[in-house]
Every structure is written in structure tokens, then in C-alpha cells.
Amino acid sequence: MSETRRADGDPELTTYRDVQLSPDFSELRRRFRRFVFPMTGLFLAWYFLYVLLAAYAPDFMSHKVAGNINVALLFGLGQFVSTFAITMIYVRWADKEIDPAAEKMRHLIEGEHQ
């Protein structure tokens, strides 16, 4: 990678282009996409199931589970729970898989040694 810097100490634009084209950066993007795209698809499928059931299966969604709690309420609360779960899973995964590689690249770009 290019280590060229401008007079003010900031890296030249070629450094960023070099990073973008580097195999390490490509691997980092690939690993990120392999996690994020399937997780996004899973969440969207779960969300659209909720919306479609609310629109086309009102009898099922209005089925009482206990007292005033019905299936629609449980599905709606499940949306919040799944959002927080996905966030926690992502943070753990990123801490373990993405952050160390990104930190290594940052050190390489800035010219620091570990």
C-alpha cells in the first residue's frame, strides 16, 4: 500500500484507492456482506410475514392467547425482540470477526506498527 502523505500529514487519495483495491479490504467486505445480507433477508422475511398475516389472516392474528393478549401482539413484540437480538448478535460477531481485521488495516494505512 502507498504510504504517501500530503504536507499537512493527511494520507493522499491514492492511499484510499490502494486500500480499496487491496485483498485484505476485499476480504473484510466479503465477510461483512456474508453476515449482513442473510441477516437482513431473515429479518425482512420475518417482518413481511407479520405484515402479511396482519393483512390476510386477521382471524389468526386476533386469536386470543391469554386475556387480552392475542397472536398479533405477540408477533409485534417479537419484532422488537428480534431487532435487539440481531443487534446483539451483530455486535458480538463484529467484535470478533470484523473489528480486529479493520484495526489491522487502520494500522497499516496510518503507518503504525502494532
PDB file of N, CA and C in Angstrom:
ATOM      1  N   MET A   1       0.827  -1.184   0.000  1.00  0.00           N
ATOM      2  CA  MET A   1       0.000   0.000   0.000  1.00  0.00           C
ATOM      3  C   MET A   1       0.868   1.242   0.000  1.00  0.00           C
ATOM      4  N   SER A   2       0.340   2.269  -0.572  1.00  0.00           N
ATOM      5  CA  SER A   2       1.061   3.523  -0.650  1.00  0.00           C
ATOM      6  C   SER A   2       1.089   4.191   0.718  1.00  0.00           C
ATOM      7  N   GLU A   3       2.220   4.742   1.070  1.00  0.00           N
ATOM      8  CA  GLU A   3       2.372   5.446   2.338  1.00  0.00           C
ATOM      9  C   GLU A   3       2.502   6.950   2.109  1.00  0.00           C
ATOM     10  N   THR A   4       2.196   7.436   0.907  1.00  0.00           N
ATOM     11  CA  THR A   4       2.369   8.836   0.549  1.00  0.00           C
ATOM     12  C   THR A   4       1.431   9.705   1.371  1.00  0.00           C
ATOM     13  N   ARG A   5       1.991  10.824   1.885  1.00  0.00           N
ATOM     14  CA  ARG A   5       1.186  11.753   2.672  1.00  0.00           C
ATOM     15  C   ARG A   5       1.371  13.162   2.136  1.00  0.00           C
ATOM     16  N   ARG A   6       0.325  13.964   2.286  1.00  0.00           N
ATOM     17  CA  ARG A   6       0.409  15.372   1.889  1.00  0.00           C
ATOM     18  C   ARG A   6       1.198  16.133   2.947  1.00  0.00           C
ATOM     19  N   ALA A   7       1.468  17.392   2.653  1.00  0.00           N
ATOM     20  CA  ALA A   7       2.247  18.223   3.572  1.00  0.00           C
ATOM     21  C   ALA A   7       1.565  18.380   4.924  1.00  0.00           C
ATOM     22  N   ASP A   8       0.220  18.368   4.949  1.00  0.00           N
ATOM     23  CA  ASP A   8      -0.497  18.540   6.215  1.00  0.00           C
ATOM     24  C   ASP A   8      -0.590  17.242   7.013  1.00  0.00           C
ATOM     25  N   GLY A   9       0.022  16.166   6.520  1.00  0.00           N
ATOM     26  CA  GLY A   9       0.051  14.903   7.259  1.00  0.00           C
ATOM     27  C   GLY A   9      -1.055  13.938   6.902  1.00  0.00           C
ATOM     28  N   ASP A  10      -2.070  14.395   6.153  1.00  0.00           N
ATOM     29  CA  ASP A  10      -3.160  13.511   5.767  1.00  0.00           C
ATOM     30  C   ASP A  10      -2.715  12.596   4.631  1.00  0.00           C
ATOM     31  N   PRO A  11      -3.207  11.360   4.620  1.00  0.00           N
ATOM     32  CA  PRO A  11      -2.839  10.464   3.528  1.00  0.00           C
ATOM     33  C   PRO A  11      -3.374  10.971   2.195  1.00  0.00           C
ATOM     34  N   GLU A  12      -2.654  10.698   1.137  1.00  0.00           N
ATOM     35  CA  GLU A  12      -3.103  11.063  -0.202  1.00  0.00           C
ATOM     36  C   GLU A  12      -4.265  10.164  -0.599  1.00  0.00           C
ATOM     37  N   LEU A  13      -5.045  10.622  -1.572  1.00  0.00           N
ATOM     38  CA  LEU A  13      -6.189   9.842  -2.029  1.00  0.00           C
ATOM     39  C   LEU A  13      -5.766   8.490  -2.589  1.00  0.00           C
ATOM     40  N   THR A  14      -4.578   8.391  -3.146  1.00  0.00           N
ATOM     41  CA  THR A  14      -4.139   7.106  -3.693  1.00  0.00           C
ATOM     42  C   THR A  14      -4.060   6.050  -2.598  1.00  0.00           C
ATOM     43  N   THR A  15      -3.788   6.461  -1.375  1.00  0.00           N
ATOM     44  CA  THR A  15      -3.756   5.510  -0.268  1.00  0.00           C
ATOM     45  C   THR A  15      -5.118   4.844  -0.121  1.00  0.00           C
ATOM     46  N   TYR A  16      -6.170   5.618  -0.161  1.00  0.00           N
ATOM     47  CA  TYR A  16      -7.508   5.069  -0.003  1.00  0.00           C
ATOM     48  C   TYR A  16      -7.875   4.172  -1.180  1.00  0.00           C
ATOM     49  N   ARG A  17      -7.465   4.541  -2.365  1.00  0.00           N
ATOM     50  CA  ARG A  17      -7.714   3.698  -3.543  1.00  0.00           C
ATOM     51  C   ARG A  17      -6.933   2.394  -3.417  1.00  0.00           C
ATOM     52  N   ASP A  18      -5.694   2.490  -2.951  1.00  0.00           N
ATOM     53  CA  ASP A  18      -4.890   1.287  -2.743  1.00  0.00           C
ATOM     54  C   ASP A  18      -5.563   0.358  -1.729  1.00  0.00           C
ATOM     55  N   VAL A  19      -6.089   0.946  -0.659  1.00  0.00           N
ATOM     56  CA  VAL A  19      -6.775   0.157   0.360  1.00  0.00           C
ATOM     57  C   VAL A  19      -8.007  -0.495  -0.237  1.00  0.00           C
ATOM     58  N   GLN A  20      -8.774   0.262  -0.968  1.00  0.00           N
ATOM     59  CA  GLN A  20     -10.000  -0.262  -1.576  1.00  0.00           C
ATOM     60  C   GLN A  20      -9.706  -1.440  -2.500  1.00  0.00           C
ATOM     61  N   LEU A  21      -8.596  -1.405  -3.183  1.00  0.00           N
ATOM     62  CA  LEU A  21      -8.239  -2.466  -4.123  1.00  0.00           C
ATOM     63  C   LEU A  21      -7.460  -3.609  -3.477  1.00  0.00           C
ATOM     64  N   SER A  22      -7.104  -3.472  -2.216  1.00  0.00           N
ATOM     65  CA  SER A  22      -6.285  -4.489  -1.564  1.00  0.00           C
ATOM     66  C   SER A  22      -7.093  -5.759  -1.276  1.00  0.00           C
ATOM     67  N   PRO A  23      -6.426  -6.912  -1.289  1.00  0.00           N
ATOM     68  CA  PRO A  23      -7.100  -8.178  -0.972  1.00  0.00           C
ATOM     69  C   PRO A  23      -7.648  -8.204   0.458  1.00  0.00           C
ATOM     70  N   ASP A  24      -6.942  -7.572   1.402  1.00  0.00           N
ATOM     71  CA  ASP A  24      -7.416  -7.551   2.793  1.00  0.00           C
ATOM     72  C   ASP A  24      -8.752  -6.824   2.911  1.00  0.00           C
ATOM     73  N   PHE A  25      -8.870  -5.694   2.220  1.00  0.00           N
ATOM     74  CA  PHE A  25     -10.112  -4.940   2.264  1.00  0.00           C
ATOM     75  C   PHE A  25     -11.237  -5.705   1.577  1.00  0.00           C
ATOM     76  N   SER A  26     -10.924  -6.350   0.465  1.00  0.00           N
ATOM     77  CA  SER A  26     -11.927  -7.161  -0.238  1.00  0.00           C
ATOM     78  C   SER A  26     -12.425  -8.294   0.652  1.00  0.00           C
ATOM     79  N   GLU A  27     -11.520  -8.921   1.376  1.00  0.00           N
ATOM     80  CA  GLU A  27     -11.901  -9.999   2.301  1.00  0.00           C
ATOM     81  C   GLU A  27     -12.769  -9.457   3.436  1.00  0.00           C
ATOM     82  N   LEU A  28     -12.411  -8.299   3.942  1.00  0.00           N
ATOM     83  CA  LEU A  28     -13.200  -7.673   5.003  1.00  0.00           C
ATOM     84  C   LEU A  28     -14.619  -7.382   4.524  1.00  0.00           C
ATOM     85  N   ARG A  29     -14.742  -6.816   3.331  1.00  0.00           N
ATOM     86  CA  ARG A  29     -16.075  -6.548   2.758  1.00  0.00           C
ATOM     87  C   ARG A  29     -16.846  -7.842   2.533  1.00  0.00           C
ATOM     88  N   ARG A  30     -16.165  -8.874   2.039  1.00  0.00           N
ATOM     89  CA  ARG A  30     -16.831 -10.154   1.775  1.00  0.00           C
ATOM     90  C   ARG A  30     -17.382 -10.749   3.074  1.00  0.00           C
ATOM     91  N   ARG A  31     -16.570 -10.733   4.120  1.00  0.00           N
ATOM     92  CA  ARG A  31     -17.030 -11.281   5.406  1.00  0.00           C
ATOM     93  C   ARG A  31     -18.196 -10.476   5.961  1.00  0.00           C
ATOM     94  N   PHE A  32     -18.144  -9.155   5.817  1.00  0.00           N
ATOM     95  CA  PHE A  32     -19.232  -8.298   6.276  1.00  0.00           C
ATOM     96  C   PHE A  32     -20.522  -8.624   5.529  1.00  0.00           C
ATOM     97  N   ARG A  33     -20.429  -8.719   4.217  1.00  0.00           N
ATOM     98  CA  ARG A  33     -21.622  -8.997   3.397  1.00  0.00           C
ATOM     99  C   ARG A  33     -22.182 -10.388   3.667  1.00  0.00           C
ATOM    100  N   ARG A  34     -21.304 -11.354   3.904  1.00  0.00           N
ATOM    101  CA  ARG A  34     -21.776 -12.720   4.167  1.00  0.00           C
ATOM    102  C   ARG A  34     -22.574 -12.808   5.451  1.00  0.00           C
ATOM    103  N   PHE A  35     -22.379 -11.884   6.368  1.00  0.00           N
ATOM    104  CA  PHE A  35     -23.179 -11.852   7.590  1.00  0.00           C
ATOM    105  C   PHE A  35     -24.402 -10.963   7.422  1.00  0.00           C
ATOM    106  N   VAL A  36     -24.183  -9.758   6.926  1.00  0.00           N
ATOM    107  CA  VAL A  36     -25.240  -8.745   6.923  1.00  0.00           C
ATOM    108  C   VAL A  36     -26.366  -9.066   5.944  1.00  0.00           C
ATOM    109  N   PHE A  37     -26.044  -9.489   4.738  1.00  0.00           N
ATOM    110  CA  PHE A  37     -27.104  -9.740   3.759  1.00  0.00           C
ATOM    111  C   PHE A  37     -28.052 -10.861   4.196  1.00  0.00           C
ATOM    112  N   PRO A  38     -27.560 -12.023   4.621  1.00  0.00           N
ATOM    113  CA  PRO A  38     -28.502 -13.050   5.082  1.00  0.00           C
ATOM    114  C   PRO A  38     -29.305 -12.612   6.316  1.00  0.00           C
ATOM    115  N   MET A  39     -28.648 -11.905   7.243  1.00  0.00           N
ATOM    116  CA  MET A  39     -29.360 -11.464   8.442  1.00  0.00           C
ATOM    117  C   MET A  39     -30.446 -10.457   8.073  1.00  0.00           C
ATOM    118  N   THR A  40     -30.157  -9.573   7.145  1.00  0.00           N
ATOM    119  CA  THR A  40     -31.156  -8.607   6.685  1.00  0.00           C
ATOM    120  C   THR A  40     -32.314  -9.330   6.001  1.00  0.00           C
ATOM    121  N   GLY A  41     -31.990 -10.298   5.156  1.00  0.00           N
ATOM    122  CA  GLY A  41     -33.036 -11.074   4.482  1.00  0.00           C
ATOM    123  C   GLY A  41     -33.919 -11.806   5.470  1.00  0.00           C
ATOM    124  N   LEU A  42     -33.302 -12.398   6.478  1.00  0.00           N
ATOM    125  CA  LEU A  42     -34.065 -13.116   7.505  1.00  0.00           C
ATOM    126  C   LEU A  42     -35.003 -12.174   8.245  1.00  0.00           C
ATOM    127  N   PHE A  43     -34.486 -11.007   8.630  1.00  0.00           N
ATOM    128  CA  PHE A  43     -35.327 -10.056   9.343  1.00  0.00           C
ATOM    129  C   PHE A  43     -36.465  -9.550   8.462  1.00  0.00           C
ATOM    130  N   LEU A  44     -36.167  -9.232   7.201  1.00  0.00           N
ATOM    131  CA  LEU A  44     -37.226  -8.748   6.312  1.00  0.00           C
ATOM    132  C   LEU A  44     -38.300  -9.801   6.070  1.00  0.00           C
ATOM    133  N   ALA A  45     -37.885 -11.053   5.931  1.00  0.00           N
ATOM    134  CA  ALA A  45     -38.868 -12.140   5.759  1.00  0.00           C
ATOM    135  C   ALA A  45     -39.774 -12.231   6.982  1.00  0.00           C
ATOM    136  N   TRP A  46     -39.181 -12.154   8.169  1.00  0.00           N
ATOM    137  CA  TRP A  46     -39.942 -12.200   9.415  1.00  0.00           C
ATOM    138  C   TRP A  46     -40.886 -11.005   9.500  1.00  0.00           C
ATOM    139  N   TYR A  47     -40.437  -9.816   9.121  1.00  0.00           N
ATOM    140  CA  TYR A  47     -41.264  -8.623   9.159  1.00  0.00           C
ATOM    141  C   TYR A  47     -42.424  -8.732   8.164  1.00  0.00           C
ATOM    142  N   PHE A  48     -42.119  -9.152   6.925  1.00  0.00           N
ATOM    143  CA  PHE A  48     -43.186  -9.262   5.923  1.00  0.00           C
ATOM    144  C   PHE A  48     -44.189 -10.353   6.280  1.00  0.00           C
ATOM    145  N   LEU A  49     -43.733 -11.409   6.940  1.00  0.00           N
ATOM    146  CA  LEU A  49     -44.675 -12.427   7.424  1.00  0.00           C
ATOM    147  C   LEU A  49     -45.666 -11.787   8.390  1.00  0.00           C
ATOM    148  N   TYR A  50     -45.158 -10.972   9.292  1.00  0.00           N
ATOM    149  CA  TYR A  50     -46.011 -10.268  10.246  1.00  0.00           C
ATOM    150  C   TYR A  50     -47.021  -9.374   9.527  1.00  0.00           C
ATOM    151  N   VAL A  51     -46.558  -8.598   8.566  1.00  0.00           N
ATOM    152  CA  VAL A  51     -47.434  -7.682   7.828  1.00  0.00           C
ATOM    153  C   VAL A  51     -48.467  -8.466   7.023  1.00  0.00           C
ATOM    154  N   LEU A  52     -48.022  -9.506   6.321  1.00  0.00           N
ATOM    155  CA  LEU A  52     -48.944 -10.301   5.503  1.00  0.00           C
ATOM    156  C   LEU A  52     -49.992 -11.015   6.351  1.00  0.00           C
ATOM    157  N   LEU A  53     -49.578 -11.553   7.484  1.00  0.00           N
ATOM    158  CA  LEU A  53     -50.559 -12.192   8.373  1.00  0.00           C
ATOM    159  C   LEU A  53     -51.555 -11.172   8.916  1.00  0.00           C
ATOM    160  N   ALA A  54     -51.079  -9.988   9.241  1.00  0.00           N
ATOM    161  CA  ALA A  54     -51.980  -8.943   9.740  1.00  0.00           C
ATOM    162  C   ALA A  54     -52.981  -8.546   8.669  1.00  0.00           C
ATOM    163  N   ALA A  55     -52.545  -8.528   7.407  1.00  0.00           N
ATOM    164  CA  ALA A  55     -53.424  -8.102   6.318  1.00  0.00           C
ATOM    165  C   ALA A  55     -54.358  -9.208   5.844  1.00  0.00           C
ATOM    166  N   TYR A  56     -53.843 -10.443   5.766  1.00  0.00           N
ATOM    167  CA  TYR A  56     -54.607 -11.517   5.126  1.00  0.00           C
ATOM    168  C   TYR A  56     -55.084 -12.625   6.063  1.00  0.00           C
ATOM    169  N   ALA A  57     -54.698 -12.589   7.311  1.00  0.00           N
ATOM    170  CA  ALA A  57     -55.152 -13.607   8.262  1.00  0.00           C
ATOM    171  C   ALA A  57     -55.591 -12.950   9.571  1.00  0.00           C
ATOM    172  N   PRO A  58     -56.555 -12.035   9.480  1.00  0.00           N
ATOM    173  CA  PRO A  58     -56.960 -11.320  10.693  1.00  0.00           C
ATOM    174  C   PRO A  58     -57.555 -12.240  11.758  1.00  0.00           C
ATOM    175  N   ASP A  59     -58.210 -13.324  11.332  1.00  0.00           N
ATOM    176  CA  ASP A  59     -58.769 -14.249  12.323  1.00  0.00           C
ATOM    177  C   ASP A  59     -57.664 -14.911  13.139  1.00  0.00           C
ATOM    178  N   PHE A  60     -56.585 -15.318  12.445  1.00  0.00           N
ATOM    179  CA  PHE A  60     -55.455 -15.927  13.132  1.00  0.00           C
ATOM    180  C   PHE A  60     -54.782 -14.918  14.056  1.00  0.00           C
ATOM    181  N   MET A  61     -54.553 -13.715  13.552  1.00  0.00           N
ATOM    182  CA  MET A  61     -53.851 -12.705  14.341  1.00  0.00           C
ATOM    183  C   MET A  61     -54.671 -12.224  15.531  1.00  0.00           C
ATOM    184  N   SER A  62     -55.998 -12.277  15.428  1.00  0.00           N
ATOM    185  CA  SER A  62     -56.837 -11.829  16.546  1.00  0.00           C
ATOM    186  C   SER A  62     -57.137 -12.942  17.549  1.00  0.00           C
ATOM    187  N   HIS A  63     -56.594 -14.128  17.285  1.00  0.00           N
ATOM    188  CA  HIS A  63     -56.796 -15.258  18.214  1.00  0.00           C
ATOM    189  C   HIS A  63     -56.186 -14.913  19.571  1.00  0.00           C
ATOM    190  N   LYS A  64     -57.018 -15.011  20.619  1.00  0.00           N
ATOM    191  CA  LYS A  64     -56.559 -14.677  21.973  1.00  0.00           C
ATOM    192  C   LYS A  64     -55.706 -15.812  22.531  1.00  0.00           C
ATOM    193  N   VAL A  65     -54.572 -15.428  23.092  1.00  0.00           N
ATOM    194  CA  VAL A  65     -53.661 -16.393  23.695  1.00  0.00           C
ATOM    195  C   VAL A  65     -53.915 -16.468  25.194  1.00  0.00           C
ATOM    196  N   ALA A  66     -53.995 -15.311  25.827  1.00  0.00           N
ATOM    197  CA  ALA A  66     -54.280 -15.235  27.257  1.00  0.00           C
ATOM    198  C   ALA A  66     -54.834 -13.842  27.554  1.00  0.00           C
ATOM    199  N   GLY A  67     -56.019 -13.782  28.108  1.00  0.00           N
ATOM    200  CA  GLY A  67     -56.624 -12.492  28.433  1.00  0.00           C
ATOM    201  C   GLY A  67     -56.776 -11.638  27.189  1.00  0.00           C
ATOM    202  N   ASN A  68     -56.256 -10.428  27.230  1.00  0.00           N
ATOM    203  CA  ASN A  68     -56.309  -9.520  26.081  1.00  0.00           C
ATOM    204  C   ASN A  68     -55.106  -9.658  25.153  1.00  0.00           C
ATOM    205  N   ILE A  69     -54.259 -10.618  25.406  1.00  0.00           N
ATOM    206  CA  ILE A  69     -53.068 -10.823  24.578  1.00  0.00           C
ATOM    207  C   ILE A  69     -53.431 -11.739  23.417  1.00  0.00           C
ATOM    208  N   ASN A  70     -53.203 -11.235  22.193  1.00  0.00           N
ATOM    209  CA  ASN A  70     -53.505 -12.036  21.009  1.00  0.00           C
ATOM    210  C   ASN A  70     -52.227 -12.317  20.217  1.00  0.00           C
ATOM    211  N   VAL A  71     -52.367 -13.102  19.169  1.00  0.00           N
ATOM    212  CA  VAL A  71     -51.218 -13.501  18.351  1.00  0.00           C
ATOM    213  C   VAL A  71     -50.548 -12.268  17.733  1.00  0.00           C
ATOM    214  N   ALA A  72     -51.329 -11.301  17.280  1.00  0.00           N
ATOM    215  CA  ALA A  72     -50.760 -10.093  16.657  1.00  0.00           C
ATOM    216  C   ALA A  72     -49.865  -9.339  17.631  1.00  0.00           C
ATOM    217  N   LEU A  73     -50.293  -9.236  18.880  1.00  0.00           N
ATOM    218  CA  LEU A  73     -49.482  -8.555  19.882  1.00  0.00           C
ATOM    219  C   LEU A  73     -48.166  -9.297  20.110  1.00  0.00           C
ATOM    220  N   LEU A  74     -48.231 -10.616  20.173  1.00  0.00           N
ATOM    221  CA  LEU A  74     -47.012 -11.410  20.353  1.00  0.00           C
ATOM    222  C   LEU A  74     -46.068 -11.265  19.162  1.00  0.00           C
ATOM    223  N   PHE A  75     -46.635 -11.277  17.952  1.00  0.00           N
ATOM    224  CA  PHE A  75     -45.800 -11.070  16.765  1.00  0.00           C
ATOM    225  C   PHE A  75     -45.171  -9.671  16.779  1.00  0.00           C
ATOM    226  N   GLY A  76     -45.950  -8.664  17.144  1.00  0.00           N
ATOM    227  CA  GLY A  76     -45.435  -7.296  17.202  1.00  0.00           C
ATOM    228  C   GLY A  76     -44.318  -7.159  18.225  1.00  0.00           C
ATOM    229  N   LEU A  77     -44.507  -7.718  19.398  1.00  0.00           N
ATOM    230  CA  LEU A  77     -43.452  -7.690  20.408  1.00  0.00           C
ATOM    231  C   LEU A  77     -42.243  -8.502  19.948  1.00  0.00           C
ATOM    232  N   GLY A  78     -42.510  -9.570  19.210  1.00  0.00           N
ATOM    233  CA  GLY A  78     -41.428 -10.381  18.659  1.00  0.00           C
ATOM    234  C   GLY A  78     -40.559  -9.594  17.692  1.00  0.00           C
ATOM    235  N   GLN A  79     -41.142  -8.615  17.009  1.00  0.00           N
ATOM    236  CA  GLN A  79     -40.361  -7.755  16.118  1.00  0.00           C
ATOM    237  C   GLN A  79     -39.319  -6.964  16.913  1.00  0.00           C
ATOM    238  N   PHE A  80     -39.741  -6.435  18.046  1.00  0.00           N
ATOM    239  CA  PHE A  80     -38.793  -5.694  18.889  1.00  0.00           C
ATOM    240  C   PHE A  80     -37.714  -6.620  19.438  1.00  0.00           C
ATOM    241  N   VAL A  81     -38.126  -7.770  19.924  1.00  0.00           N
ATOM    242  CA  VAL A  81     -37.168  -8.729  20.485  1.00  0.00           C
ATOM    243  C   VAL A  81     -36.164  -9.163  19.422  1.00  0.00           C
ATOM    244  N   SER A  82     -36.646  -9.462  18.227  1.00  0.00           N
ATOM    245  CA  SER A  82     -35.734  -9.904  17.168  1.00  0.00           C
ATOM    246  C   SER A  82     -34.779  -8.785  16.742  1.00  0.00           C
ATOM    247  N   THR A  83     -35.238  -7.541  16.751  1.00  0.00           N
ATOM    248  CA  THR A  83     -34.363  -6.418  16.409  1.00  0.00           C
ATOM    249  C   THR A  83     -33.219  -6.306  17.415  1.00  0.00           C
ATOM    250  N   PHE A  84     -33.545  -6.390  18.695  1.00  0.00           N
ATOM    251  CA  PHE A  84     -32.494  -6.331  19.719  1.00  0.00           C
ATOM    252  C   PHE A  84     -31.581  -7.553  19.647  1.00  0.00           C
ATOM    253  N   ALA A  85     -32.144  -8.720  19.378  1.00  0.00           N
ATOM    254  CA  ALA A  85     -31.330  -9.940  19.266  1.00  0.00           C
ATOM    255  C   ALA A  85     -30.357  -9.837  18.093  1.00  0.00           C
ATOM    256  N   ILE A  86     -30.845  -9.373  16.955  1.00  0.00           N
ATOM    257  CA  ILE A  86     -29.977  -9.222  15.781  1.00  0.00           C
ATOM    258  C   ILE A  86     -28.856  -8.222  16.078  1.00  0.00           C
ATOM    259  N   THR A  87     -29.197  -7.143  16.769  1.00  0.00           N
ATOM    260  CA  THR A  87     -28.183  -6.151  17.125  1.00  0.00           C
ATOM    261  C   THR A  87     -27.115  -6.758  18.023  1.00  0.00           C
ATOM    262  N   MET A  88     -27.530  -7.508  19.033  1.00  0.00           N
ATOM    263  CA  MET A  88     -26.559  -8.137  19.943  1.00  0.00           C
ATOM    264  C   MET A  88     -25.704  -9.164  19.205  1.00  0.00           C
ATOM    265  N   ILE A  89     -26.319  -9.941  18.331  1.00  0.00           N
ATOM    266  CA  ILE A  89     -25.565 -10.932  17.548  1.00  0.00           C
ATOM    267  C   ILE A  89     -24.547 -10.231  16.649  1.00  0.00           C
ATOM    268  N   TYR A  90     -24.974  -9.156  16.006  1.00  0.00           N
ATOM    269  CA  TYR A  90     -24.058  -8.419  15.130  1.00  0.00           C
ATOM    270  C   TYR A  90     -22.883  -7.834  15.911  1.00  0.00           C
ATOM    271  N   VAL A  91     -23.155  -7.236  17.053  1.00  0.00           N
ATOM    272  CA  VAL A  91     -22.084  -6.615  17.840  1.00  0.00           C
ATOM    273  C   VAL A  91     -21.063  -7.668  18.265  1.00  0.00           C
ATOM    274  N   ARG A  92     -21.532  -8.809  18.745  1.00  0.00           N
ATOM    275  CA  ARG A  92     -20.607  -9.887  19.122  1.00  0.00           C
ATOM    276  C   ARG A  92     -19.796 -10.351  17.925  1.00  0.00           C
ATOM    277  N   TRP A  93     -20.475 -10.561  16.813  1.00  0.00           N
ATOM    278  CA  TRP A  93     -19.805 -11.034  15.603  1.00  0.00           C
ATOM    279  C   TRP A  93     -18.780 -10.008  15.121  1.00  0.00           C
ATOM    280  N   ALA A  94     -19.157  -8.751  15.067  1.00  0.00           N
ATOM    281  CA  ALA A  94     -18.250  -7.701  14.588  1.00  0.00           C
ATOM    282  C   ALA A  94     -17.043  -7.566  15.516  1.00  0.00           C
ATOM    283  N   ASP A  95     -17.271  -7.636  16.819  1.00  0.00           N
ATOM    284  CA  ASP A  95     -16.155  -7.555  17.764  1.00  0.00           C
ATOM    285  C   ASP A  95     -15.130  -8.656  17.518  1.00  0.00           C
ATOM    286  N   LYS A  96     -15.619  -9.832  17.154  1.00  0.00           N
ATOM    287  CA  LYS A  96     -14.746 -10.991  16.967  1.00  0.00           C
ATOM    288  C   LYS A  96     -14.178 -11.092  15.558  1.00  0.00           C
ATOM    289  N   GLU A  97     -14.982 -10.803  14.541  1.00  0.00           N
ATOM    290  CA  GLU A  97     -14.606 -11.067  13.152  1.00  0.00           C
ATOM    291  C   GLU A  97     -14.156  -9.842  12.353  1.00  0.00           C
ATOM    292  N   ILE A  98     -14.797  -8.728  12.553  1.00  0.00           N
ATOM    293  CA  ILE A  98     -14.555  -7.561  11.711  1.00  0.00           C
ATOM    294  C   ILE A  98     -13.594  -6.566  12.358  1.00  0.00           C
ATOM    295  N   ASP A  99     -13.830  -6.241  13.604  1.00  0.00           N
ATOM    296  CA  ASP A  99     -13.042  -5.196  14.253  1.00  0.00           C
ATOM    297  C   ASP A  99     -11.540  -5.480  14.281  1.00  0.00           C
ATOM    298  N   PRO A 100     -11.086  -6.695  14.603  1.00  0.00           N
ATOM    299  CA  PRO A 100      -9.637  -6.927  14.592  1.00  0.00           C
ATOM    300  C   PRO A 100      -9.012  -6.721  13.203  1.00  0.00           C
ATOM    301  N   ALA A 101      -9.677  -7.189  12.171  1.00  0.00           N
ATOM    302  CA  ALA A 101      -9.159  -7.016  10.806  1.00  0.00           C
ATOM    303  C   ALA A 101      -9.193  -5.547  10.406  1.00  0.00           C
ATOM    304  N   ALA A 102     -10.234  -4.827  10.772  1.00  0.00           N
ATOM    305  CA  ALA A 102     -10.326  -3.402  10.456  1.00  0.00           C
ATOM    306  C   ALA A 102      -9.254  -2.617  11.213  1.00  0.00           C
ATOM    307  N   GLU A 103      -9.002  -2.994  12.436  1.00  0.00           N
ATOM    308  CA  GLU A 103      -7.957  -2.331  13.227  1.00  0.00           C
ATOM    309  C   GLU A 103      -6.579  -2.572  12.613  1.00  0.00           C
ATOM    310  N   LYS A 104      -6.344  -3.779  12.155  1.00  0.00           N
ATOM    311  CA  LYS A 104      -5.077  -4.107  11.496  1.00  0.00           C
ATOM    312  C   LYS A 104      -4.897  -3.255  10.236  1.00  0.00           C
ATOM    313  N   MET A 105      -5.958  -3.130   9.464  1.00  0.00           N
ATOM    314  CA  MET A 105      -5.886  -2.303   8.259  1.00  0.00           C
ATOM    315  C   MET A 105      -5.656  -0.836   8.605  1.00  0.00           C
ATOM    316  N   ARG A 106      -6.292  -0.374   9.662  1.00  0.00           N
ATOM    317  CA  ARG A 106      -6.103   1.014  10.080  1.00  0.00           C
ATOM    318  C   ARG A 106      -4.640   1.273  10.417  1.00  0.00           C
ATOM    319  N   HIS A 107      -4.025   0.345  11.139  1.00  0.00           N
ATOM    320  CA  HIS A 107      -2.615   0.496  11.488  1.00  0.00           C
ATOM    321  C   HIS A 107      -1.740   0.509  10.233  1.00  0.00           C
ATOM    322  N   LEU A 108      -2.066  -0.335   9.271  1.00  0.00           N
ATOM    323  CA  LEU A 108      -1.299  -0.362   8.022  1.00  0.00           C
ATOM    324  C   LEU A 108      -1.449   0.954   7.261  1.00  0.00           C
ATOM    325  N   ILE A 109      -2.649   1.473   7.214  1.00  0.00           N
ATOM    326  CA  ILE A 109      -2.910   2.708   6.470  1.00  0.00           C
ATOM    327  C   ILE A 109      -2.211   3.893   7.119  1.00  0.00           C
ATOM    328  N   GLU A 110      -2.286   3.953   8.449  1.00  0.00           N
ATOM    329  CA  GLU A 110      -1.713   5.081   9.152  1.00  0.00           C
ATOM    330  C   GLU A 110      -0.209   4.932   9.384  1.00  0.00           C
ATOM    331  N   GLY A 111       0.332   3.794   8.993  1.00  0.00           N
ATOM    332  CA  GLY A 111       1.770   3.594   9.116  1.00  0.00           C
ATOM    333  C   GLY A 111       2.227   3.253  10.516  1.00  0.00           C
ATOM    334  N   GLU A 112       1.314   2.848  11.374  1.00  0.00           N
ATOM    335  CA  GLU A 112       1.669   2.473  12.737  1.00  0.00           C
ATOM    336  C   GLU A 112       1.991   0.993  12.772  1.00  0.00           C
ATOM    337  N   HIS A 113       2.790   0.603  13.718  1.00  0.00           N
ATOM    338  CA  HIS A 113       3.104  -0.819  13.893  1.00  0.00           C
ATOM    339  C   HIS A 113       2.573  -1.271  15.238  1.00  0.00           C
ATOM    340  N   GLN A 114       2.060  -2.476  15.243  1.00  0.00           N
ATOM    341  CA  GLN A 114       1.482  -2.998  16.482  1.00  0.00           C
ATOM    342  C   GLN A 114       2.553  -3.459  17.426  1.00  0.00           C
TER     343      GLN A 114
END
